[in-house]
Protein backbone atom coordinates (compact mmCIF):
# COMPACT_ATOMS: atom_id res chain seq x y z
CA UNK A 1 0.00 0.00 0.00
CA UNK A 2 1.31 3.45 -0.96
CA UNK A 3 0.05 6.57 0.78
CA UNK A 4 1.11 9.93 2.15
CA UNK A 5 0.06 11.27 5.56
CA UNK A 6 0.41 14.95 6.43
CA UNK A 7 0.01 16.41 9.91
CA UNK A 8 0.08 19.77 11.64
CA UNK A 9 3.52 20.33 13.27
CA UNK A 10 2.19 21.21 16.72
CA UNK A 11 -1.03 20.74 18.68
CA UNK A 12 -1.62 22.57 21.96
CA UNK A 13 -4.59 21.36 24.03
CA UNK A 14 -5.25 23.41 27.17
CA UNK A 15 -8.29 24.98 28.80
CA UNK A 16 -7.65 28.73 28.75
CA UNK A 17 -4.96 28.21 26.13
CA UNK A 18 -6.02 31.22 24.10
CA UNK A 19 -4.00 33.27 26.61
CA UNK A 20 -0.87 31.70 25.10
CA UNK A 21 -1.64 32.83 21.55
CA UNK A 22 0.80 35.73 21.82
CA UNK A 23 3.72 33.65 23.04
CA UNK A 24 3.07 30.99 20.41
CA UNK A 25 2.89 33.55 17.61
CA UNK A 26 6.05 35.23 18.89
CA UNK A 27 7.82 31.88 18.63
CA UNK A 28 6.80 31.83 14.96
CA UNK A 29 8.49 35.21 14.46
CA UNK A 30 5.41 37.32 13.70
CA UNK A 31 5.20 40.99 14.70
CA UNK A 32 2.01 42.10 12.88
CA UNK A 33 -0.85 39.62 13.15
CA UNK A 34 -4.27 39.62 11.52
CA UNK A 35 -7.04 37.82 13.41
CA UNK A 36 -9.71 36.34 11.14
CA UNK A 37 -13.09 35.78 12.80
CA UNK A 38 -16.82 36.47 12.53
CA UNK A 39 -19.00 39.02 14.36
CA UNK A 40 -20.12 36.41 16.89
CA UNK A 41 -16.53 35.88 18.05
CA UNK A 42 -16.26 39.62 18.66
CA UNK A 43 -19.50 39.60 20.68
CA UNK A 44 -18.33 36.68 22.81
CA UNK A 45 -15.10 38.49 23.67
CA UNK A 46 -12.86 35.77 22.25
CA UNK A 47 -11.20 38.08 19.73
CA UNK A 48 -10.38 40.50 22.53
CA UNK A 49 -8.76 37.67 24.51
CA UNK A 50 -6.54 36.82 21.56
CA UNK A 51 -5.78 40.50 20.92
CA UNK A 52 -4.73 41.07 24.54
CA UNK A 53 -2.48 38.01 24.46
CA UNK A 54 -0.79 39.21 21.28
CA UNK A 55 -0.38 42.80 22.44
CA UNK A 56 1.05 41.65 25.77
CA UNK A 57 4.14 40.36 23.94
CA UNK A 58 4.48 43.41 21.70
CA UNK A 59 2.69 42.12 18.61
CA UNK A 60 0.59 44.60 16.63
CA UNK A 61 -2.92 43.36 15.81
CA UNK A 62 -5.44 43.81 13.03
CA UNK A 63 -8.89 42.21 13.38
CA UNK A 64 -11.01 41.21 10.39
CA UNK A 65 -14.41 40.16 11.74
CA UNK A 66 -16.66 40.00 8.66
CA UNK A 67 -16.40 36.27 7.95
CA UNK A 68 -19.74 34.73 6.96
CA UNK A 69 -20.92 31.11 6.86
CA UNK A 70 -19.84 29.17 3.76
CA UNK A 71 -17.41 32.05 3.27
CA UNK A 72 -18.20 33.98 0.09
CA UNK A 73 -15.21 34.58 -2.15
CA UNK A 74 -15.59 38.36 -2.08
CA UNK A 75 -15.43 38.48 1.72
CA UNK A 76 -12.33 36.28 1.80
CA UNK A 77 -10.80 38.60 -0.79
CA UNK A 78 -11.50 41.60 1.45
CA UNK A 79 -9.66 39.88 4.29
CA UNK A 80 -6.71 39.06 2.02
CA UNK A 81 -6.49 42.63 0.73
CA UNK A 82 -6.73 44.06 4.23
CA UNK A 83 -3.95 41.84 5.58
CA UNK A 84 -1.74 42.53 2.58
CA UNK A 85 -2.25 46.32 2.76
CA UNK A 86 -1.54 46.28 6.51
CA UNK A 87 1.61 44.22 5.86
CA UNK A 88 0.62 41.42 8.20
CA UNK A 89 3.32 38.86 8.85
CA UNK A 90 1.18 36.35 10.75
CA UNK A 91 -2.45 35.17 10.86
CA UNK A 92 -4.71 33.67 13.51
CA UNK A 93 -7.94 31.93 12.56
CA UNK A 94 -10.41 32.10 15.44
CA UNK A 95 -13.89 30.57 15.22
CA UNK A 96 -15.72 27.84 13.36
CA UNK A 97 -14.78 26.26 10.07
CA UNK A 98 -15.63 29.31 7.98
CA UNK A 99 -13.18 31.50 9.90
CA UNK A 100 -10.47 28.84 9.90
CA UNK A 101 -10.83 28.14 6.17
CA UNK A 102 -10.74 31.87 5.45
CA UNK A 103 -7.65 32.34 7.64
CA UNK A 104 -5.76 29.71 5.65
CA UNK A 105 -6.36 31.57 2.40
CA UNK A 106 -5.45 34.89 3.99
CA UNK A 107 -2.18 33.46 5.31
CA UNK A 108 -1.37 32.11 1.86
CA UNK A 109 -2.53 34.86 -0.48
CA UNK A 110 -1.50 37.87 1.64
CA UNK A 111 2.01 36.62 0.92
CA UNK A 112 1.45 35.94 -2.79
CA UNK A 113 0.58 37.54 -6.12
CA UNK A 114 -1.76 34.67 -7.04
CA UNK A 115 -5.53 35.18 -7.09
CA UNK A 116 -8.07 32.98 -5.33
CA UNK A 117 -9.32 31.65 -8.67
CA UNK A 118 -5.81 30.60 -9.66
CA UNK A 119 -5.47 28.24 -6.69
CA UNK A 120 -8.85 26.48 -6.87
CA UNK A 121 -8.18 22.76 -7.18
CA UNK A 122 -5.25 20.60 -6.16
CA UNK A 123 -1.68 21.85 -5.63
CA UNK A 124 -2.11 25.06 -7.61
CA UNK A 125 -0.52 27.39 -5.02
CA UNK A 126 3.08 28.57 -5.22
CA UNK A 127 5.27 30.12 -2.54
CA UNK A 128 4.98 30.08 1.22
CA UNK A 129 2.22 31.34 3.50
CA UNK A 130 2.54 33.54 6.57
CA UNK A 131 2.81 31.94 10.04
CA UNK A 132 -0.61 30.57 10.97
CA UNK A 133 -2.27 29.52 14.23
CA UNK A 134 -5.77 28.05 14.14
CA UNK A 135 -8.02 28.25 17.23
CA UNK A 136 -11.36 26.44 16.76
CA UNK A 137 -14.38 27.49 18.81
CA UNK A 138 -16.54 24.59 17.63
CA UNK A 139 -15.91 20.85 17.80
CA UNK A 140 -16.70 19.89 14.25
CA UNK A 141 -14.82 20.97 11.16
CA UNK A 142 -11.29 19.81 11.97
CA UNK A 143 -10.09 22.66 9.76
CA UNK A 144 -7.34 23.45 12.27
CA UNK A 145 -5.40 20.37 11.10
CA UNK A 146 -6.12 20.19 7.36
CA UNK A 147 -4.62 21.66 4.21
CA UNK A 148 -8.04 22.18 2.68
CA UNK A 149 -10.13 25.34 2.39
CA UNK A 150 -13.70 25.52 1.06
CA UNK A 151 -15.32 28.77 -0.01
CA UNK A 152 -18.35 29.79 -2.07
CA UNK A 153 -17.78 31.39 -5.47
CA UNK A 154 -19.97 34.10 -7.05
CA UNK A 155 -22.08 31.37 -8.74
CA UNK A 156 -22.86 29.88 -5.29
CA UNK A 157 -20.72 26.81 -5.99
CA UNK A 158 -18.38 25.38 -3.35
CA UNK A 159 -14.77 25.73 -4.49
CA UNK A 160 -12.02 23.76 -2.79
CA UNK A 161 -8.34 24.58 -2.42
CA UNK A 162 -6.07 21.64 -1.63
CA UNK A 163 -2.45 22.58 -1.08
CA UNK A 164 0.11 21.68 1.61
CA UNK A 165 0.82 25.34 2.34
CA UNK A 166 -2.60 25.60 4.03
CA UNK A 167 -1.51 23.29 6.85
CA UNK A 168 -1.26 25.52 9.96
CA UNK A 169 1.82 25.81 12.14
CA UNK A 170 -0.13 25.31 15.35
CA UNK A 171 -3.60 24.04 16.26
CA UNK A 172 -4.64 25.46 19.63
CA UNK A 173 -7.52 23.66 21.37
CA UNK A 174 -9.13 25.61 24.22
CA UNK A 175 -12.26 23.85 25.46
CA UNK A 176 -13.36 26.97 27.35
CA UNK A 177 -14.17 28.60 24.01
CA UNK A 178 -16.84 25.95 23.35
CA UNK A 179 -18.72 26.00 26.66
CA UNK A 180 -21.32 28.53 25.56
CA UNK A 181 -22.12 27.09 22.13
CA UNK A 182 -25.85 26.96 21.34
CA UNK A 183 -27.31 23.45 21.27
CA UNK A 184 -27.88 23.40 17.52
CA UNK A 185 -24.32 24.52 16.78
CA UNK A 186 -22.98 21.89 19.18
CA UNK A 187 -25.14 19.23 17.51
CA UNK A 188 -24.39 20.22 13.92
CA UNK A 189 -20.63 20.55 14.38
CA UNK A 190 -20.44 17.35 16.42
CA UNK A 191 -22.28 15.35 13.76
CA UNK A 192 -20.04 16.95 11.12
CA UNK A 193 -16.99 15.62 12.97
CA UNK A 194 -18.57 12.16 13.16
CA UNK A 195 -19.11 12.25 9.39
CA UNK A 196 -15.42 13.09 8.94
CA UNK A 197 -14.43 10.02 10.92
CA UNK A 198 -16.91 7.69 9.21
CA UNK A 199 -16.18 8.86 5.67
CA UNK A 200 -12.43 8.85 6.29
CA UNK A 201 -12.63 5.25 7.48
CA UNK A 202 -14.76 4.09 4.54
CA UNK A 203 -13.06 6.13 1.80
CA UNK A 204 -12.64 4.19 -1.43
CA UNK A 205 -9.84 6.37 -2.78
CA UNK A 206 -7.27 7.14 -0.05
CA UNK A 207 -8.05 4.86 2.90
CA UNK A 208 -4.89 4.09 4.87
CA UNK A 209 -4.01 2.50 8.23
CA UNK A 210 -2.92 5.71 9.99
CA UNK A 211 -6.12 7.52 9.07
CA UNK A 212 -8.10 4.41 10.02
CA UNK A 213 -6.68 4.39 13.54
CA UNK A 214 -7.42 8.07 13.93
CA UNK A 215 -10.96 7.68 12.61
CA UNK A 216 -11.73 4.96 15.15
CA UNK A 217 -10.28 7.00 18.02
CA UNK A 218 -12.14 10.11 16.88
CA UNK A 219 -15.49 8.38 16.46
CA UNK A 220 -15.19 6.80 19.90
CA UNK A 221 -14.57 10.21 21.50
CA UNK A 222 -17.34 11.88 19.53
CA UNK A 223 -19.90 9.10 19.87
CA UNK A 224 -19.50 8.87 23.63
CA UNK A 225 -19.61 12.62 24.24
CA UNK A 226 -21.91 14.32 21.72
CA UNK A 227 -25.15 13.68 23.59
CA UNK A 228 -23.40 14.58 26.86
CA UNK A 229 -22.53 18.09 25.64
CA UNK A 230 -25.98 18.56 24.09
CA UNK A 231 -27.68 17.64 27.36
CA UNK A 232 -25.10 19.27 29.65
CA UNK A 233 -23.29 22.09 27.78
CA UNK A 234 -21.06 22.84 30.76
CA UNK A 235 -19.51 19.34 30.93
CA UNK A 236 -15.87 20.40 30.64
CA UNK A 237 -14.44 16.91 30.16
CA UNK A 238 -16.95 16.11 27.43
CA UNK A 239 -16.30 19.45 25.70
CA UNK A 240 -12.56 18.75 25.69
CA UNK A 241 -13.16 15.23 24.37
CA UNK A 242 -15.30 16.65 21.55
CA UNK A 243 -12.56 19.10 20.54
CA UNK A 244 -9.99 16.32 20.53
CA UNK A 245 -12.28 14.02 18.57
CA UNK A 246 -12.96 16.74 16.02
CA UNK A 247 -9.26 17.42 15.54
CA UNK A 248 -8.39 13.73 15.19
CA UNK A 249 -11.26 13.21 12.74
CA UNK A 250 -9.92 16.17 10.76
CA UNK A 251 -6.51 14.51 10.51
CA UNK A 252 -8.20 11.29 9.39
CA UNK A 253 -10.37 12.68 6.61
CA UNK A 254 -7.71 15.09 5.34
CA UNK A 255 -5.51 12.09 4.64
CA UNK A 256 -8.25 9.76 3.41
CA UNK A 257 -11.05 11.94 1.91
CA UNK A 258 -14.69 12.55 2.64
CA UNK A 259 -17.40 11.21 0.36
CA UNK A 260 -21.07 11.34 -0.61
CA UNK A 261 -22.45 12.83 2.62
CA UNK A 262 -20.28 15.88 2.06
CA UNK A 263 -21.05 15.82 -1.65
CA UNK A 264 -24.79 16.03 -1.05
CA UNK A 265 -24.34 18.62 1.70
CA UNK A 266 -22.38 21.13 -0.38
CA UNK A 267 -25.27 22.38 -2.57
CA UNK A 268 -27.45 22.76 0.53
CA UNK A 269 -24.92 25.21 1.92
CA UNK A 270 -24.08 26.96 -1.33
CA UNK A 271 -27.69 27.43 -2.49
CA UNK A 272 -29.68 27.66 0.74
CA UNK A 273 -27.03 28.70 3.31
CA UNK A 274 -27.71 25.75 5.58
CA UNK A 275 -24.73 25.52 7.97
CA UNK A 276 -22.30 22.86 6.78
CA UNK A 277 -22.60 20.55 9.78
CA UNK A 278 -26.39 20.69 9.66
CA UNK A 279 -26.33 19.99 5.92
CA UNK A 280 -24.26 16.88 6.58
CA UNK A 281 -26.65 15.80 9.33
CA UNK A 282 -29.64 16.10 7.00
CA UNK A 283 -28.36 13.41 4.62
CA UNK A 284 -26.03 11.47 6.92
CA UNK A 285 -28.27 8.57 7.95
CA UNK A 286 -29.77 8.15 4.48
CA UNK A 287 -26.37 7.95 2.75
CA UNK A 288 -25.12 5.44 5.33
CA UNK A 289 -28.25 3.34 4.77
CA UNK A 290 -27.67 3.54 0.98
CA UNK A 291 -24.02 2.48 1.44
CA UNK A 292 -24.81 -0.45 3.73
CA UNK A 293 -24.68 -3.18 1.04
CA UNK A 294 -21.14 -2.11 0.06
CA UNK A 295 -19.77 -0.89 3.39
CA UNK A 296 -21.29 -3.36 5.83
CA UNK A 297 -17.99 -4.83 7.02
CA UNK A 298 -16.50 -1.37 7.63
CA UNK A 299 -19.61 -0.17 9.46
CA UNK A 300 -19.46 -3.32 11.59
CA UNK A 301 -15.88 -2.42 12.54
CA UNK A 302 -17.05 1.06 13.58
CA UNK A 303 -20.10 -0.13 15.54
CA UNK A 304 -18.25 -0.48 18.89
CA UNK A 305 -17.33 3.22 18.69
CA UNK A 306 -21.01 4.09 19.13
CA UNK A 307 -22.46 1.05 20.86
CA UNK A 308 -20.56 0.02 23.97
CA UNK A 309 -20.51 -3.54 25.35
CA UNK A 310 -22.54 -4.91 22.46
CA UNK A 311 -22.17 -8.57 21.47
CA UNK A 312 -23.07 -8.85 17.80
CA UNK A 313 -23.71 -12.25 16.25
CA UNK A 314 -22.45 -11.17 12.82
CA UNK A 315 -21.01 -8.29 10.85
CA UNK A 316 -24.41 -7.76 9.25
CA UNK A 317 -26.00 -7.33 12.68
CA UNK A 318 -23.27 -4.94 13.81
CA UNK A 319 -23.47 -2.86 10.64
CA UNK A 320 -27.25 -2.59 10.90
CA UNK A 321 -26.96 -1.52 14.54
CA UNK A 322 -24.38 1.11 13.56
CA UNK A 323 -26.64 2.67 10.93
CA UNK A 324 -29.65 2.52 13.27
CA UNK A 325 -27.66 4.31 15.96
CA UNK A 326 -26.92 7.18 13.55
CA UNK A 327 -30.59 7.23 12.52
CA UNK A 328 -31.46 7.72 16.20
CA UNK A 329 -28.77 10.29 16.99
CA UNK A 330 -29.61 12.80 14.27
CA UNK A 331 -33.20 13.56 15.41
CA UNK A 332 -32.17 13.23 19.07
CA UNK A 333 -29.67 16.05 18.50
CA UNK A 334 -32.51 18.57 18.17
CA UNK A 335 -31.72 19.56 14.59
CA UNK A 336 -34.38 19.94 11.92
CA UNK A 337 -34.34 16.82 9.72
CA UNK A 338 -36.43 17.93 6.72
CA UNK A 339 -35.15 20.02 3.82
CA UNK A 340 -38.53 21.71 3.40
CA UNK A 341 -38.27 23.08 6.94
CA UNK A 342 -35.03 24.85 6.05
CA UNK A 343 -36.19 26.66 2.92
CA UNK A 344 -35.12 24.09 0.33
CA UNK A 345 -37.45 24.07 -2.65
CA UNK A 346 -38.64 20.82 -4.21
CA UNK A 347 -37.80 21.96 -7.73
CA UNK A 348 -34.16 22.37 -6.70
CA UNK A 349 -33.72 18.68 -5.87
CA UNK A 350 -32.97 17.45 -9.44
CA UNK A 351 -30.68 20.45 -10.00
CA UNK A 352 -28.72 19.74 -6.83
CA UNK A 353 -28.42 16.06 -7.73
CA UNK A 354 -27.03 16.98 -11.13
CA UNK A 355 -24.62 19.46 -9.51
CA UNK A 356 -23.29 16.80 -7.14
CA UNK A 357 -22.80 14.25 -9.91
CA UNK A 358 -21.19 16.59 -12.41
CA UNK A 359 -19.32 19.18 -10.33
CA UNK A 360 -18.53 17.37 -7.07
CA UNK A 361 -17.99 13.90 -8.49
CA UNK A 362 -14.61 13.53 -6.76
CA UNK A 363 -16.54 12.92 -3.51
CA UNK A 364 -18.82 10.35 -5.14
CA UNK A 365 -15.70 8.52 -6.31
CA UNK A 366 -14.59 8.20 -2.67
CA UNK A 367 -17.95 6.82 -1.58
CA UNK A 368 -17.92 3.07 -0.80
CA UNK A 369 -20.89 2.49 -3.13
CA UNK A 370 -21.37 3.86 -6.64
CA UNK A 371 -24.07 6.49 -6.99
CA UNK A 372 -26.06 7.78 -9.94
CA UNK A 373 -27.82 11.11 -10.30
CA UNK A 374 -31.10 9.28 -9.64
CA UNK A 375 -29.70 7.79 -6.42
CA UNK A 376 -28.66 11.25 -5.22
CA UNK A 377 -32.03 12.78 -6.06
CA UNK A 378 -33.80 9.91 -4.30
CA UNK A 379 -31.88 10.63 -1.10
CA UNK A 380 -32.75 14.33 -1.32
CA UNK A 381 -36.42 13.39 -1.78
CA UNK A 382 -36.29 11.00 1.15
CA UNK A 383 -35.32 13.85 3.49
CA UNK A 384 -37.39 16.54 1.77
């Protein structure tokens, strides 16, 4: 078996760790740092915590706080231009996946003459990025440990940048930043992280033993703790376990690929602005059920991650129990489970299916079972 596994150079996991952002950035040699975040991070005071830490060690700070969900290309471009004009020599991404993905592109393109459009795709970037620290405030995307960035172009299509330069220097996990997350954000991001682990483990294109081990560890952490943090948001140990599980799942999928769940979720975000984790949750159980005939053995191997102390008589029984457990968890999370309840129009279903099959086919290729446009549309209709 031939494969390549990339990893972030350093991971810092510490409650209250955001106070060390300044010292860590100083170690990276930065003197003028741009913080990339959204308005909610400003309101929560997290950006101010990072700013104070940076200024305490003599680092000048610029804050860009206009990041939006499924980051639109024009907003990312504004952040890049601002950092470049200000002559930033370091970047901190602070927030959910949209802020972290945006920060990667700012760190890269504020130090480059390339345009965003020129680096869409795989390994199109040239040159080095600025020093980059990623501080997630949700336990879901895993963006703090991947070399992938997803943004929305002017045609409302998800565009992906894959390039090693996007890998951050440091991922800083501070569980205290997640304590106040609303239930639906906790649920959506947690299920997103579970999808990363499951799809990484069952990937048909880049599955490998290192990613497999990480996916199992991640899914165990996430499966045991997601309902705990939904029911008891202040459970500090469970919050920390969710952050760790999310990060490990991120390392797994970045080195193995995601698949059809993500493929079907992308148009829901691009067209109807459904948050990414929620979009994954909407189609998660149905895609797993569709994949069961081809992925039964792999799902059986993952079943103990979600179902403790079970004694299954066969792989088929274990795989069925695994899928049923996901089918129970999604509605139990408190998220809406019907597309129609989130503004999706019925006439868009064939269009989205065609978009997935023609423009996001790379993710269908990674899926353990082949899919047609009709299969994709049928899943959309099942959850409509």
